[in-house]
């Protein structure tokens, strides 16, 4: 009978939303959205879910 080993498995969920803003340049638009995000004016939630990955945790050896 084989001995069971422990493995660290990481679950990542990805959220994504496209926000339309008016600005003079792309850099200004990005800065505007970053500021709105920092202030909590844009909050991603379950409705923004676009995918997940399940894989071995990258910082663990996973051979215990």
PDB file of N, CA and C in Angstrom:
ATOM      1  N   UNK A   1       0.841  -1.181   0.000  1.00  0.00           N
ATOM      2  CA  UNK A   1       0.000   0.000   0.000  1.00  0.00           C
ATOM      3  C   UNK A   1       0.890   1.249   0.000  1.00  0.00           C
ATOM      4  N   UNK A   2       0.582   2.198  -0.875  1.00  0.00           N
ATOM      5  CA  UNK A   2       1.417   3.397  -0.981  1.00  0.00           C
ATOM      6  C   UNK A   2       1.025   4.442   0.064  1.00  0.00           C
ATOM      7  N   UNK A   3       2.032   5.206   0.482  1.00  0.00           N
ATOM      8  CA  UNK A   3       1.826   6.268   1.461  1.00  0.00           C
ATOM      9  C   UNK A   3       1.315   7.531   0.744  1.00  0.00           C
ATOM     10  N   UNK A   4       0.280   8.161   1.281  1.00  0.00           N
ATOM     11  CA  UNK A   4      -0.267   9.367   0.672  1.00  0.00           C
ATOM     12  C   UNK A   4       0.648  10.545   0.928  1.00  0.00           C
ATOM     13  N   UNK A   5       0.800  11.397  -0.069  1.00  0.00           N
ATOM     14  CA  UNK A   5       1.628  12.594   0.018  1.00  0.00           C
ATOM     15  C   UNK A   5       0.719  13.821   0.075  1.00  0.00           C
ATOM     16  N   UNK A   6       1.264  14.927   0.559  1.00  0.00           N
ATOM     17  CA  UNK A   6       0.540  16.197   0.567  1.00  0.00           C
ATOM     18  C   UNK A   6       0.965  17.027  -0.631  1.00  0.00           C
ATOM     19  N   UNK A   7       0.007  17.705  -1.254  1.00  0.00           N
ATOM     20  CA  UNK A   7       0.277  18.580  -2.386  1.00  0.00           C
ATOM     21  C   UNK A   7      -0.407  19.918  -2.150  1.00  0.00           C
ATOM     22  N   UNK A   8       0.276  21.014  -2.466  1.00  0.00           N
ATOM     23  CA  UNK A   8      -0.304  22.350  -2.386  1.00  0.00           C
ATOM     24  C   UNK A   8      -0.828  22.715  -3.767  1.00  0.00           C
ATOM     25  N   UNK A   9      -2.134  22.925  -3.852  1.00  0.00           N
ATOM     26  CA  UNK A   9      -2.783  23.239  -5.117  1.00  0.00           C
ATOM     27  C   UNK A   9      -3.353  24.648  -5.033  1.00  0.00           C
ATOM     28  N   UNK A  10      -3.034  25.465  -6.021  1.00  0.00           N
ATOM     29  CA  UNK A  10      -3.472  26.861  -6.048  1.00  0.00           C
ATOM     30  C   UNK A  10      -4.677  26.996  -6.977  1.00  0.00           C
ATOM     31  N   UNK A  11      -5.686  27.728  -6.513  1.00  0.00           N
ATOM     32  CA  UNK A  11      -6.852  28.054  -7.329  1.00  0.00           C
ATOM     33  C   UNK A  11      -6.817  29.554  -7.589  1.00  0.00           C
ATOM     34  N   UNK A  12      -6.843  29.944  -8.857  1.00  0.00           N
ATOM     35  CA  UNK A  12      -6.865  31.357  -9.233  1.00  0.00           C
ATOM     36  C   UNK A  12      -8.159  31.631  -9.992  1.00  0.00           C
ATOM     37  N   UNK A  13      -8.798  32.730  -9.645  1.00  0.00           N
ATOM     38  CA  UNK A  13      -9.964  33.177 -10.389  1.00  0.00           C
ATOM     39  C   UNK A  13      -9.625  34.515 -11.036  1.00  0.00           C
ATOM     40  N   UNK A  14     -10.099  34.694 -12.246  1.00  0.00           N
ATOM     41  CA  UNK A  14      -9.812  35.928 -12.962  1.00  0.00           C
ATOM     42  C   UNK A  14     -11.095  36.725 -13.167  1.00  0.00           C
ATOM     43  N   UNK A  15     -11.032  38.008 -12.813  1.00  0.00           N
ATOM     44  CA  UNK A  15     -12.134  38.934 -13.017  1.00  0.00           C
ATOM     45  C   UNK A  15     -11.700  39.963 -14.045  1.00  0.00           C
ATOM     46  N   UNK A  16     -12.621  40.382 -14.902  1.00  0.00           N
ATOM     47  CA  UNK A  16     -12.278  41.350 -15.941  1.00  0.00           C
ATOM     48  C   UNK A  16     -13.500  42.186 -16.292  1.00  0.00           C
ATOM     49  N   UNK A  17     -13.275  43.475 -16.516  1.00  0.00           N
ATOM     50  CA  UNK A  17     -14.352  44.376 -16.946  1.00  0.00           C
ATOM     51  C   UNK A  17     -13.744  45.429 -17.861  1.00  0.00           C
ATOM     52  N   UNK A  18     -14.443  45.766 -18.918  1.00  0.00           N
ATOM     53  CA  UNK A  18     -14.031  46.854 -19.798  1.00  0.00           C
ATOM     54  C   UNK A  18     -14.808  48.101 -19.395  1.00  0.00           C
ATOM     55  N   UNK A  19     -14.079  49.189 -19.182  1.00  0.00           N
ATOM     56  CA  UNK A  19     -14.675  50.459 -18.779  1.00  0.00           C
ATOM     57  C   UNK A  19     -14.424  51.468 -19.893  1.00  0.00           C
ATOM     58  N   UNK A  20     -15.444  52.166 -20.311  1.00  0.00           N
ATOM     59  CA  UNK A  20     -15.308  53.183 -21.354  1.00  0.00           C
ATOM     60  C   UNK A  20     -15.217  54.556 -20.697  1.00  0.00           C
ATOM     61  N   UNK A  21     -14.172  55.302 -21.034  1.00  0.00           N
ATOM     62  CA  UNK A  21     -13.982  56.650 -20.496  1.00  0.00           C
ATOM     63  C   UNK A  21     -13.600  57.584 -21.634  1.00  0.00           C
ATOM     64  N   UNK A  22     -13.809  58.865 -21.423  1.00  0.00           N
ATOM     65  CA  UNK A  22     -13.386  59.874 -22.392  1.00  0.00           C
ATOM     66  C   UNK A  22     -12.138  60.558 -21.859  1.00  0.00           C
ATOM     67  N   UNK A  23     -11.114  60.663 -22.697  1.00  0.00           N
ATOM     68  CA  UNK A  23      -9.856  61.290 -22.303  1.00  0.00           C
ATOM     69  C   UNK A  23      -9.140  61.758 -23.563  1.00  0.00           C
ATOM     70  N   UNK A  24      -8.144  62.613 -23.387  1.00  0.00           N
ATOM     71  CA  UNK A  24      -7.383  63.126 -24.528  1.00  0.00           C
ATOM     72  C   UNK A  24      -6.409  62.100 -25.095  1.00  0.00           C
ATOM     73  N   UNK A  25      -5.829  61.263 -24.218  1.00  0.00           N
ATOM     74  CA  UNK A  25      -4.867  60.253 -24.666  1.00  0.00           C
ATOM     75  C   UNK A  25      -5.160  58.916 -23.989  1.00  0.00           C
ATOM     76  N   UNK A  26      -4.584  57.862 -24.535  1.00  0.00           N
ATOM     77  CA  UNK A  26      -4.721  56.545 -23.932  1.00  0.00           C
ATOM     78  C   UNK A  26      -4.144  56.542 -22.525  1.00  0.00           C
ATOM     79  N   UNK A  27      -3.003  57.169 -22.345  1.00  0.00           N
ATOM     80  CA  UNK A  27      -2.376  57.251 -21.020  1.00  0.00           C
ATOM     81  C   UNK A  27      -3.282  57.937 -20.012  1.00  0.00           C
ATOM     82  N   UNK A  28      -3.940  59.017 -20.443  1.00  0.00           N
ATOM     83  CA  UNK A  28      -4.877  59.721 -19.563  1.00  0.00           C
ATOM     84  C   UNK A  28      -6.062  58.823 -19.206  1.00  0.00           C
ATOM     85  N   UNK A  29      -6.538  58.065 -20.180  1.00  0.00           N
ATOM     86  CA  UNK A  29      -7.668  57.168 -19.942  1.00  0.00           C
ATOM     87  C   UNK A  29      -7.300  56.087 -18.926  1.00  0.00           C
ATOM     88  N   UNK A  30      -6.124  55.508 -19.083  1.00  0.00           N
ATOM     89  CA  UNK A  30      -5.661  54.478 -18.152  1.00  0.00           C
ATOM     90  C   UNK A  30      -5.514  55.071 -16.755  1.00  0.00           C
ATOM     91  N   UNK A  31      -4.916  56.252 -16.673  1.00  0.00           N
ATOM     92  CA  UNK A  31      -4.728  56.921 -15.377  1.00  0.00           C
ATOM     93  C   UNK A  31      -6.084  57.205 -14.708  1.00  0.00           C
ATOM     94  N   UNK A  32      -7.051  57.633 -15.494  1.00  0.00           N
ATOM     95  CA  UNK A  32      -8.386  57.927 -14.976  1.00  0.00           C
ATOM     96  C   UNK A  32      -9.030  56.671 -14.388  1.00  0.00           C
ATOM     97  N   UNK A  33      -8.948  55.570 -15.110  1.00  0.00           N
ATOM     98  CA  UNK A  33      -9.545  54.321 -14.633  1.00  0.00           C
ATOM     99  C   UNK A  33      -8.783  53.791 -13.411  1.00  0.00           C
ATOM    100  N   UNK A  34      -7.464  53.907 -13.410  1.00  0.00           N
ATOM    101  CA  UNK A  34      -6.689  53.472 -12.247  1.00  0.00           C
ATOM    102  C   UNK A  34      -7.094  54.250 -11.006  1.00  0.00           C
ATOM    103  N   UNK A  35      -7.313  55.538 -11.153  1.00  0.00           N
ATOM    104  CA  UNK A  35      -7.713  56.374 -10.023  1.00  0.00           C
ATOM    105  C   UNK A  35      -9.113  55.988  -9.533  1.00  0.00           C
ATOM    106  N   UNK A  36     -10.030  55.739 -10.461  1.00  0.00           N
ATOM    107  CA  UNK A  36     -11.382  55.308 -10.083  1.00  0.00           C
ATOM    108  C   UNK A  36     -11.321  53.974  -9.337  1.00  0.00           C
ATOM    109  N   UNK A  37     -10.453  53.077  -9.797  1.00  0.00           N
ATOM    110  CA  UNK A  37     -10.302  51.767  -9.156  1.00  0.00           C
ATOM    111  C   UNK A  37      -9.740  51.917  -7.748  1.00  0.00           C
ATOM    112  N   UNK A  38      -8.710  52.755  -7.598  1.00  0.00           N
ATOM    113  CA  UNK A  38      -8.099  52.993  -6.281  1.00  0.00           C
ATOM    114  C   UNK A  38      -9.100  53.574  -5.295  1.00  0.00           C
ATOM    115  N   UNK A  39      -9.958  54.460  -5.772  1.00  0.00           N
ATOM    116  CA  UNK A  39     -10.952  55.102  -4.913  1.00  0.00           C
ATOM    117  C   UNK A  39     -12.144  54.196  -4.598  1.00  0.00           C
ATOM    118  N   UNK A  40     -12.203  53.027  -5.213  1.00  0.00           N
ATOM    119  CA  UNK A  40     -13.309  52.108  -4.983  1.00  0.00           C
ATOM    120  C   UNK A  40     -14.547  52.434  -5.803  1.00  0.00           C
ATOM    121  N   UNK A  41     -14.387  53.302  -6.805  1.00  0.00           N
ATOM    122  CA  UNK A  41     -15.504  53.641  -7.677  1.00  0.00           C
ATOM    123  C   UNK A  41     -15.768  52.530  -8.690  1.00  0.00           C
ATOM    124  N   UNK A  42     -14.757  51.723  -8.961  1.00  0.00           N
ATOM    125  CA  UNK A  42     -14.894  50.536  -9.815  1.00  0.00           C
ATOM    126  C   UNK A  42     -14.525  49.343  -8.946  1.00  0.00           C
ATOM    127  N   UNK A  43     -15.466  48.440  -8.745  1.00  0.00           N
ATOM    128  CA  UNK A  43     -15.230  47.252  -7.928  1.00  0.00           C
ATOM    129  C   UNK A  43     -15.674  46.031  -8.731  1.00  0.00           C
ATOM    130  N   UNK A  44     -14.735  45.163  -9.015  1.00  0.00           N
ATOM    131  CA  UNK A  44     -15.065  43.940  -9.742  1.00  0.00           C
ATOM    132  C   UNK A  44     -15.711  42.953  -8.791  1.00  0.00           C
ATOM    133  N   UNK A  45     -16.704  42.209  -9.314  1.00  0.00           N
ATOM    134  CA  UNK A  45     -17.401  41.233  -8.487  1.00  0.00           C
ATOM    135  C   UNK A  45     -17.650  39.957  -9.284  1.00  0.00           C
ATOM    136  N   UNK A  46     -18.470  39.067  -8.748  1.00  0.00           N
ATOM    137  CA  UNK A  46     -18.718  37.767  -9.376  1.00  0.00           C
ATOM    138  C   UNK A  46     -19.251  37.910 -10.803  1.00  0.00           C
ATOM    139  N   UNK A  47     -19.940  38.996 -11.103  1.00  0.00           N
ATOM    140  CA  UNK A  47     -20.451  39.215 -12.451  1.00  0.00           C
ATOM    141  C   UNK A  47     -19.353  39.467 -13.472  1.00  0.00           C
ATOM    142  N   UNK A  48     -18.150  39.756 -13.004  1.00  0.00           N
ATOM    143  CA  UNK A  48     -17.007  40.019 -13.873  1.00  0.00           C
ATOM    144  C   UNK A  48     -16.113  38.787 -14.045  1.00  0.00           C
ATOM    145  N   UNK A  49     -16.550  37.638 -13.526  1.00  0.00           N
ATOM    146  CA  UNK A  49     -15.768  36.407 -13.592  1.00  0.00           C
ATOM    147  C   UNK A  49     -15.581  35.983 -15.041  1.00  0.00           C
ATOM    148  N   UNK A  50     -14.325  35.693 -15.434  1.00  0.00           N
ATOM    149  CA  UNK A  50     -14.049  35.257 -16.805  1.00  0.00           C
ATOM    150  C   UNK A  50     -13.307  33.920 -16.883  1.00  0.00           C
ATOM    151  N   UNK A  51     -12.817  33.410 -15.754  1.00  0.00           N
ATOM    152  CA  UNK A  51     -12.130  32.131 -15.830  1.00  0.00           C
ATOM    153  C   UNK A  51     -11.423  31.746 -14.553  1.00  0.00           C
ATOM    154  N   UNK A  52     -10.925  30.508 -14.546  1.00  0.00           N
ATOM    155  CA  UNK A  52     -10.183  30.010 -13.387  1.00  0.00           C
ATOM    156  C   UNK A  52      -9.118  29.039 -13.849  1.00  0.00           C
ATOM    157  N   UNK A  53      -8.099  28.882 -13.017  1.00  0.00           N
ATOM    158  CA  UNK A  53      -7.089  27.855 -13.235  1.00  0.00           C
ATOM    159  C   UNK A  53      -6.856  27.146 -11.911  1.00  0.00           C
ATOM    160  N   UNK A  54      -6.577  25.873 -12.000  1.00  0.00           N
ATOM    161  CA  UNK A  54      -6.231  25.074 -10.823  1.00  0.00           C
ATOM    162  C   UNK A  54      -4.952  24.334 -11.176  1.00  0.00           C
ATOM    163  N   UNK A  55      -3.903  24.575 -10.372  1.00  0.00           N
ATOM    164  CA  UNK A  55      -2.593  24.015 -10.710  1.00  0.00           C
ATOM    165  C   UNK A  55      -1.768  23.873  -9.439  1.00  0.00           C
ATOM    166  N   UNK A  56      -0.647  23.213  -9.550  1.00  0.00           N
ATOM    167  CA  UNK A  56       0.268  23.097  -8.419  1.00  0.00           C
ATOM    168  C   UNK A  56       0.728  24.483  -8.000  1.00  0.00           C
ATOM    169  N   UNK A  57       0.790  24.739  -6.699  1.00  0.00           N
ATOM    170  CA  UNK A  57       1.249  26.029  -6.195  1.00  0.00           C
ATOM    171  C   UNK A  57       2.690  26.261  -6.637  1.00  0.00           C
ATOM    172  N   UNK A  58       3.008  27.430  -7.196  1.00  0.00           N
ATOM    173  CA  UNK A  58       4.329  27.649  -7.785  1.00  0.00           C
ATOM    174  C   UNK A  58       5.494  27.703  -6.800  1.00  0.00           C
ATOM    175  N   UNK A  59       5.241  28.017  -5.527  1.00  0.00           N
ATOM    176  CA  UNK A  59       6.358  28.168  -4.597  1.00  0.00           C
ATOM    177  C   UNK A  59       6.561  26.947  -3.709  1.00  0.00           C
ATOM    178  N   UNK A  60       5.806  25.914  -3.903  1.00  0.00           N
ATOM    179  CA  UNK A  60       5.927  24.721  -3.092  1.00  0.00           C
ATOM    180  C   UNK A  60       6.573  23.595  -3.890  1.00  0.00           C
ATOM    181  N   UNK A  61       7.244  22.708  -3.203  1.00  0.00           N
ATOM    182  CA  UNK A  61       7.927  21.620  -3.900  1.00  0.00           C
ATOM    183  C   UNK A  61       6.965  20.513  -4.333  1.00  0.00           C
ATOM    184  N   UNK A  62       5.860  20.326  -3.623  1.00  0.00           N
ATOM    185  CA  UNK A  62       4.816  19.355  -3.969  1.00  0.00           C
ATOM    186  C   UNK A  62       5.322  17.920  -4.073  1.00  0.00           C
ATOM    187  N   UNK A  63       6.275  17.552  -3.258  1.00  0.00           N
ATOM    188  CA  UNK A  63       6.748  16.161  -3.243  1.00  0.00           C
ATOM    189  C   UNK A  63       6.895  15.656  -1.819  1.00  0.00           C
ATOM    190  N   UNK A  64       6.111  16.199  -0.919  1.00  0.00           N
ATOM    191  CA  UNK A  64       6.231  15.798   0.490  1.00  0.00           C
ATOM    192  C   UNK A  64       5.900  14.337   0.686  1.00  0.00           C
TER     193      UNK A  64
END
